[in-house]
Structures are given as structure tokens and as C-alpha cells.
Protein backbone atom coordinates (compact mmCIF):
# COMPACT_ATOMS: atom_id res chain seq x y z
CA MET A 1 21.98 9.78 -23.01
CA ALA A 2 18.62 9.93 -21.90
CA HIS A 3 16.90 13.53 -21.64
CA ILE A 4 15.63 14.29 -18.28
CA VAL A 5 14.11 17.31 -17.17
CA GLN A 6 13.08 18.11 -13.83
CA VAL A 7 8.87 19.20 -13.12
CA SER A 8 8.67 22.39 -11.78
CA PRO A 9 5.84 21.86 -9.17
CA GLU A 10 3.65 24.94 -10.64
CA ASP A 11 3.41 22.75 -14.03
CA PHE A 12 1.79 20.00 -12.02
CA ASP A 13 -1.49 19.48 -11.53
CA TRP A 14 -2.97 15.33 -11.51
CA SER A 15 -6.41 16.56 -13.19
CA SER A 16 -5.14 17.83 -16.23
CA GLU A 17 -5.44 15.50 -19.56
CA ASP A 18 -2.02 16.74 -20.76
CA GLY A 19 1.33 17.83 -19.32
CA PRO A 20 3.23 16.12 -16.76
CA ALA A 21 0.58 14.56 -14.80
CA ALA A 22 -0.98 13.12 -18.06
CA GLU A 23 2.61 12.00 -19.16
CA VAL A 24 2.97 9.70 -15.42
CA ARG A 25 -0.52 8.82 -15.81
CA ARG A 26 0.16 7.38 -19.32
CA ILE A 27 3.52 5.75 -18.59
CA ALA A 28 2.69 4.11 -14.83
CA ARG A 29 -0.61 2.62 -17.08
CA ALA A 30 1.60 0.66 -19.34
CA SER A 31 3.98 -0.07 -17.29
CA THR A 32 1.17 -1.64 -14.90
CA ALA A 33 -0.26 -3.56 -17.82
CA GLU A 34 3.28 -5.31 -18.59
CA ASP A 35 4.20 -5.86 -15.11
CA GLY A 36 0.98 -7.56 -13.73
CA ALA A 37 2.08 -5.19 -10.99
CA THR A 38 0.37 -1.34 -9.90
CA THR A 39 3.43 0.57 -10.56
CA LEU A 40 2.48 3.87 -8.36
CA ASN A 41 1.70 2.48 -4.79
CA GLU A 42 -1.32 4.41 -2.86
CA GLN A 43 0.58 6.75 -1.06
CA ALA A 44 2.04 7.92 -4.33
CA LEU A 45 -1.01 8.24 -5.75
CA LEU A 46 -2.52 10.03 -2.96
CA GLN A 47 0.17 12.29 -3.00
CA LEU A 48 0.07 13.17 -6.07
CA LYS A 49 -3.82 13.79 -6.35
CA ASN A 50 -4.02 15.86 -2.90
CA ARG A 51 -0.84 17.19 -2.98
CA GLY A 52 0.98 17.79 -5.92
CA LEU A 53 4.77 18.11 -5.94
CA ARG A 54 4.41 19.95 -2.68
CA GLY A 55 6.87 18.42 -0.78
CA ALA A 56 7.89 15.98 -3.33
CA SER A 57 10.43 16.12 -6.82
CA LEU A 58 9.03 14.44 -10.04
CA TRP A 59 11.76 14.07 -13.17
CA LEU A 60 10.15 12.89 -16.89
CA GLY A 61 12.10 12.22 -19.70
CA ASP A 62 12.05 9.50 -22.60
CA GLY A 63 9.39 7.37 -21.37
CA GLY A 64 10.31 7.58 -17.96
CA PHE A 65 9.70 9.11 -14.56
CA ALA A 66 11.08 9.01 -10.95
CA PHE A 67 8.83 10.58 -7.94
CA LEU A 68 10.44 11.03 -4.62
CA HIS A 69 8.18 12.02 -2.12
CA GLY A 70 10.23 11.79 1.18
CA ASP A 71 12.66 9.34 0.85
CA GLU A 72 10.09 7.04 -0.71
CA LEU A 73 11.19 6.96 -5.13
CA GLU A 74 8.88 5.65 -7.27
CA LEU A 75 9.98 5.25 -10.87
CA ALA A 76 8.78 3.53 -13.75
CA VAL A 77 9.82 3.25 -17.57
CA HIS A 78 7.52 2.75 -19.86
CA PRO A 79 7.95 -0.51 -21.59
CA SER A 80 8.74 0.82 -24.85
CA SER A 81 11.40 2.78 -23.77
CA ARG A 82 13.57 -0.13 -21.46
CA ARG A 83 16.63 -1.18 -21.98
CA GLN A 84 17.87 2.35 -23.44
CA GLY A 85 19.29 3.72 -20.17
CA VAL A 86 16.03 5.68 -19.12
CA GLY A 87 15.83 3.99 -15.64
CA THR A 88 19.33 4.72 -14.95
CA ALA A 89 19.76 8.29 -15.98
CA LEU A 90 16.46 8.60 -13.91
CA ALA A 91 17.44 7.14 -10.53
CA ALA A 92 21.14 9.29 -11.25
CA GLU A 93 19.00 12.52 -10.92
CA ALA A 94 16.52 11.13 -8.17
CA LEU A 95 19.92 9.47 -5.97
CA PRO A 96 22.88 11.29 -5.86
CA ALA A 97 25.42 9.85 -3.55
CA GLY A 98 24.39 9.87 0.19
CA ARG A 99 20.24 10.41 -0.61
CA LYS A 100 18.36 7.86 1.45
CA VAL A 101 15.82 6.21 -0.48
CA ASP A 102 12.85 3.34 0.44
CA ALA A 103 11.53 1.96 -2.92
CA TRP A 104 9.01 -0.56 -3.69
CA SER A 105 9.72 -3.04 -6.79
CA HIS A 106 5.75 -4.08 -7.00
CA SER A 107 6.66 -6.98 -9.24
CA ASP A 108 10.14 -7.69 -8.04
CA HIS A 109 11.46 -6.70 -11.32
CA PRO A 110 14.86 -7.72 -12.24
CA GLY A 111 15.54 -3.91 -13.74
CA ALA A 112 15.01 -2.80 -10.53
CA ALA A 113 17.51 -4.78 -8.75
CA ARG A 114 19.46 -3.52 -11.11
CA LEU A 115 19.31 -0.16 -10.10
CA ALA A 116 19.54 -1.53 -6.33
CA GLU A 117 22.98 -2.92 -7.37
CA LEU A 118 24.26 0.20 -9.27
CA PHE A 119 23.73 2.98 -6.64
CA SER A 120 24.48 0.13 -4.11
CA VAL A 121 20.86 0.12 -2.38
CA PRO A 122 20.51 -3.42 -0.53
CA ARG A 123 17.20 -5.41 -0.50
CA GLU A 124 15.12 -5.12 2.88
CA ARG A 125 12.07 -6.48 3.00
CA GLU A 126 9.54 -8.73 1.15
CA LEU A 127 5.88 -8.48 0.74
CA VAL A 128 4.00 -11.20 -0.06
CA ILE A 129 0.48 -11.06 -1.51
CA MET A 130 -2.01 -13.62 -0.95
CA ARG A 131 -5.11 -14.43 -2.45
CA LYS A 132 -8.49 -16.17 -1.28
CA SER A 133 -11.44 -17.22 -3.58
CA LEU A 134 -14.50 -15.85 -2.16
CA GLY A 135 -16.56 -18.79 -4.09
CA SER A 136 -17.40 -21.32 -0.95
CA PRO A 137 -19.17 -20.56 1.92
CA LEU A 138 -16.82 -19.45 4.31
CA ASP A 139 -16.53 -20.80 8.00
CA SER A 140 -19.25 -18.84 10.39
CA VAL A 141 -17.48 -16.74 13.62
CA SER A 142 -18.63 -16.08 17.02
CA VAL A 143 -18.16 -12.78 18.33
CA PRO A 144 -16.07 -13.12 22.35
CA SER A 145 -18.32 -12.50 25.20
CA GLY A 146 -17.91 -9.00 25.83
CA VAL A 147 -17.62 -7.60 22.36
CA ARG A 148 -20.06 -5.81 20.32
CA VAL A 149 -18.62 -5.38 16.42
CA ARG A 150 -20.48 -2.71 14.58
CA THR A 151 -19.14 -0.09 11.41
CA PHE A 152 -17.19 2.70 11.04
CA GLU A 153 -18.67 6.14 12.53
CA PRO A 154 -17.88 9.78 12.06
CA GLY A 155 -16.45 10.29 15.83
CA ASP A 156 -14.42 7.15 15.52
CA GLN A 157 -11.02 8.70 13.66
CA GLN A 158 -9.28 9.52 17.06
CA ALA A 159 -9.67 5.98 18.46
CA PHE A 160 -8.57 4.36 14.84
CA LEU A 161 -5.44 6.43 14.66
CA GLU A 162 -4.55 5.74 18.34
CA VAL A 163 -4.69 1.94 17.49
CA ASN A 164 -3.46 1.86 14.38
CA ALA A 165 -0.30 3.84 15.92
CA THR A 166 0.24 0.79 18.88
CA ALA A 167 -0.73 -2.33 16.63
CA PHE A 168 1.77 -1.39 14.08
CA ALA A 169 4.18 1.10 16.05
CA HIS A 170 7.15 -1.74 14.40
CA HIS A 171 5.57 -0.78 10.92
CA PRO A 172 7.66 1.42 8.50
CA GLU A 173 4.35 2.73 6.71
CA GLN A 174 1.63 1.90 8.32
CA GLY A 175 2.38 3.09 11.81
CA HIS A 176 2.69 6.59 11.14
CA MET A 177 -0.98 7.31 9.74
CA THR A 178 -2.13 11.00 10.26
CA ILE A 179 -5.18 12.48 10.61
CA GLU A 180 -4.78 13.66 6.84
CA ASP A 181 -3.07 10.77 5.26
CA LEU A 182 -7.11 9.44 6.97
CA ARG A 183 -9.03 11.76 5.74
CA GLU A 184 -7.56 11.45 2.07
CA ARG A 185 -8.30 7.63 2.09
CA MET A 186 -11.50 8.08 3.27
CA SER A 187 -12.43 10.26 0.56
CA GLU A 188 -11.40 7.98 -2.31
CA SER A 189 -13.95 6.44 -3.94
CA TRP A 190 -13.47 2.84 -2.96
CA PHE A 191 -14.25 4.14 1.08
CA ASP A 192 -17.16 2.88 2.08
CA PRO A 193 -17.40 3.15 6.26
CA ALA A 194 -19.73 -0.24 5.45
CA GLY A 195 -16.66 -1.79 5.35
CA LEU A 196 -14.78 -0.90 8.43
CA PHE A 197 -15.49 -3.11 11.27
CA LEU A 198 -15.03 -2.22 14.46
CA ALA A 199 -14.45 -4.30 18.08
CA VAL A 200 -15.89 -2.53 20.44
CA PRO A 201 -16.53 -3.29 24.57
CA ALA A 202 -20.39 -4.33 24.62
CA ASP A 203 -20.48 -2.83 27.96
CA PRO A 204 -17.34 -0.34 28.65
CA GLY A 205 -16.27 0.02 32.09
CA PRO A 206 -13.56 2.29 33.48
CA GLY A 207 -10.91 1.79 32.01
CA ASP A 208 -11.63 0.11 28.94
CA PRO A 209 -10.11 1.06 25.79
CA PRO A 210 -12.87 2.71 23.20
CA LEU A 211 -11.54 0.56 20.43
CA LEU A 212 -10.63 -3.27 20.43
CA GLY A 213 -9.53 -3.98 17.39
CA PHE A 214 -10.12 -3.12 13.34
CA HIS A 215 -10.58 -4.60 9.85
CA TRP A 216 -10.62 -2.20 7.02
CA THR A 217 -12.02 -4.01 3.68
CA LYS A 218 -11.56 -2.67 0.48
CA GLU A 219 -13.10 -3.00 -2.70
CA HIS A 220 -11.48 -2.40 -6.28
CA ARG A 221 -14.30 -2.40 -8.26
CA ASP A 222 -12.28 -0.82 -10.88
CA GLU A 223 -9.98 -3.96 -11.94
CA ASP A 224 -11.41 -6.79 -13.99
CA PRO A 225 -12.55 -8.85 -12.42
CA PRO A 226 -13.40 -6.68 -9.16
CA TYR A 227 -11.92 -7.89 -6.25
CA GLY A 228 -11.72 -7.25 -2.41
CA GLU A 229 -8.29 -6.82 -0.09
CA VAL A 230 -8.29 -6.85 3.57
CA TYR A 231 -6.81 -3.90 3.76
CA VAL A 232 -5.61 -3.21 7.25
CA VAL A 233 -6.21 -5.24 10.34
CA ALA A 234 -5.57 -4.28 13.32
CA VAL A 235 -5.97 -5.46 17.44
CA ASN A 236 -5.58 -3.00 20.26
CA PRO A 237 -2.38 -4.88 22.39
CA LYS A 238 -4.65 -4.47 25.33
CA ALA A 239 -7.32 -6.66 24.00
CA ALA A 240 -4.34 -8.58 22.79
CA GLY A 241 -5.16 -12.75 23.47
CA ARG A 242 -9.07 -12.73 22.87
CA GLY A 243 -9.02 -13.64 18.82
CA LEU A 244 -10.00 -10.69 17.61
CA GLY A 245 -7.89 -10.69 14.56
CA THR A 246 -9.70 -13.41 13.81
CA VAL A 247 -12.86 -12.69 14.20
CA LEU A 248 -12.67 -9.40 12.57
CA THR A 249 -10.60 -10.69 9.19
CA ALA A 250 -13.47 -13.65 9.00
CA ILE A 251 -16.60 -10.66 8.98
CA GLY A 252 -14.30 -8.58 6.85
CA LEU A 253 -14.04 -11.56 4.86
CA LYS A 254 -17.89 -12.06 4.48
CA HIS A 255 -18.93 -8.88 3.52
CA LEU A 256 -16.84 -8.64 0.65
CA GLN A 257 -17.95 -12.24 -0.09
CA ASP A 258 -21.76 -10.29 0.48
CA GLN A 259 -20.78 -7.71 -1.84
CA GLY A 260 -19.71 -10.33 -5.02
CA LEU A 261 -16.59 -10.02 -5.33
CA GLU A 262 -14.73 -13.42 -6.57
CA SER A 263 -11.98 -13.11 -4.58
CA VAL A 264 -9.91 -11.54 -2.29
CA LEU A 265 -6.05 -10.63 -1.29
CA LEU A 266 -3.74 -9.55 1.55
CA TYR A 267 -0.36 -7.96 1.85
CA VAL A 268 1.46 -9.94 4.10
CA ASP A 269 5.65 -9.26 5.04
CA GLY A 270 7.42 -12.29 3.50
CA ASP A 271 9.36 -13.40 6.95
CA ASN A 272 6.12 -13.25 9.19
CA ALA A 273 6.07 -17.06 8.88
CA PRO A 274 3.39 -17.80 11.76
CA ALA A 275 0.94 -15.23 9.37
CA ILE A 276 1.61 -16.42 6.21
CA ALA A 277 0.93 -20.20 7.97
CA VAL A 278 -2.24 -18.54 9.45
CA TYR A 279 -3.45 -17.14 5.77
CA THR A 280 -2.55 -20.08 4.08
CA GLY A 281 -4.75 -22.59 6.33
CA GLN A 282 -7.47 -19.84 5.50
CA GLY A 283 -7.36 -20.72 2.13
CA PHE A 284 -5.02 -17.71 0.69
CA ALA A 285 -1.64 -18.55 -2.00
CA VAL A 286 0.62 -16.97 -2.69
CA GLU A 287 0.40 -14.87 -6.04
CA ARG A 288 3.63 -12.78 -6.03
CA THR A 289 5.98 -10.88 -4.10
CA GLU A 290 7.11 -6.95 -3.42
CA MET A 291 10.63 -6.03 -3.28
CA GLN A 292 11.53 -3.16 -0.88
CA TYR A 293 14.84 -1.62 -1.17
CA ARG A 294 16.16 0.71 1.41
CA GLY A 295 19.28 2.10 2.17
CA THR A 296 21.79 5.19 1.36
CA SER A 297 22.13 5.86 -1.98
CA ALA A 298 26.43 5.32 -3.12
CA GLY A 299 25.65 7.42 -6.56
CA LEU A 300 26.32 6.47 -10.10
CA ALA A 301 29.66 6.85 -9.81
CA ARG A 302 30.28 3.55 -7.87
CA ALA A 303 28.31 1.14 -10.88
């Protein structure tokens, strides 16, 4: 049986070159290389880097880790330690019966599906990752009359958060972004205000919203080869029907191309057929899928 221990918050320091944080990074790097998909998602990394184990729990043992922050679980096992019961032992610690959980398999791994079955956690959602080459000229785009597109400025935070919340009110992760979440992302090395495009009224009048929509691009310069990402595109519901989503997306793609990036990817819900059709028509193709498991654990006893 695998030997699992829970890490004390006082013993965890993301910047440390040894100890629990270094072990998490070692396992995550090996798993990412083996599976071809990021092991720790952005939200988990920001938690570990900025808040450590404050409001979170971490279990380590025999080449694996389970990280629980809120209801979100990140579980990974080093490739050399797989198929030895480590994942099951970690999940048993993190998911006693009655525990709510929201977990992603970033490569739709069969091992994740097996664990979900063991703990009776159903599949909830599929996320499709699509990629487009930036090697060819992009179509030109015209900004609608009465609209001006500019880049992000320090005073835009509140309007940004308001549009983000209303545009993604139905979204389980993106729609709940707080000012702390925004500041953490903007403190990351990849953030560049020149890559965050805002559509605003060209001549604001009474009752006009200050922000009509935005396209936040991201550059993955630490990858080989580097690539861009359509990080977030949102349109203020009060400005719907003006084609701003298409315009902002095109402006962001041109920016990423101008930075010398060879390709760009985006994430879209697997059941959003209209969006997938639009992106396919724009030259994006499906690269892989991620799977979300969400529900209440039945515990290992029902396995």
C-alpha cells in the first residue's frame, strides 16, 4: 500500500529548491512531459505560488501528489510510479465519502477515468483545445462605427471585472474572477498590457458602458516552440450583436502573429457546437480534449 502523508502549510514554500514544493514540481514536470498536457492548471499554480497551502490541502507519497483547493482537485503520479496504486491511495485521502470534488484530466487520461469510477464521481464537462497556424496572412478586420479598440490601462480593472462577470455568469471558473485573481495573473511574467485589447465607446454618451468587450491574449514563451493563446474573449451583453467578439479575436490574433509566434490555441466547451464551427471556419483544428469530473465522492469503500 502506498505511503501517503499530508503536508503541513508551514512546511510548504513554492520557491524552495527542496522539500514538498520541489517534489510537486518534479512530479508535475515528468507528468506533463509524459502526457503531453499541463499537469497543474493555472488556478492551481497561482494558489501554490501566491498562497501556498492557505485554504488548501496537499498530500504526497511514493511519487505522487493530490492538491485540493476549494473543491478543485489536482492529482498526478510520476510516470515511473504509475499502476502501483499510488493514485488510488492519494484519492482516498483527498476524497472521503461525501466530499464534493471538481477535477480535470488535462489529457483525458484513462487513469483519471478509472479513479472517477472508483469514487463514483461522474463526467461533467469536456473542454476542447483547438490550434491555428499563424504562418499565413490573416484576414483584415474593420472596427464597427462608434467603437475604439485600445490596450489595457491601470484604471480599467473594475470595468474589466464587471464585463468578465456578466459575460461569463454561466461559467464555473472564469465568471468568478476577483480583483485578487486579476492582480495575480497580471503579476505573472507572461502578462503584457499590450496584449490585452479593450473595445470602448469612441464617443461615450450617457448610459454607455465604459467597456464593450475585451480580448486578453497570452504568450507561452517558455514552450518550444513558443505559441500564443486566445486567453479570454468577452463581450459586454449590452454590446451584443455588433460582431465585437469576432473583431477583438482577429485583432488579438494579428498581435500574436506580429510577435513572431508560429501558432495560437484556445479552449472551448465541447458542447458548444456553434463556437467550434466558427473557430473551425477560422482555421482552428482540434488538438486534444480535457475532461472534467464533478460530483460528490462515494469514498473508496464503494469501489
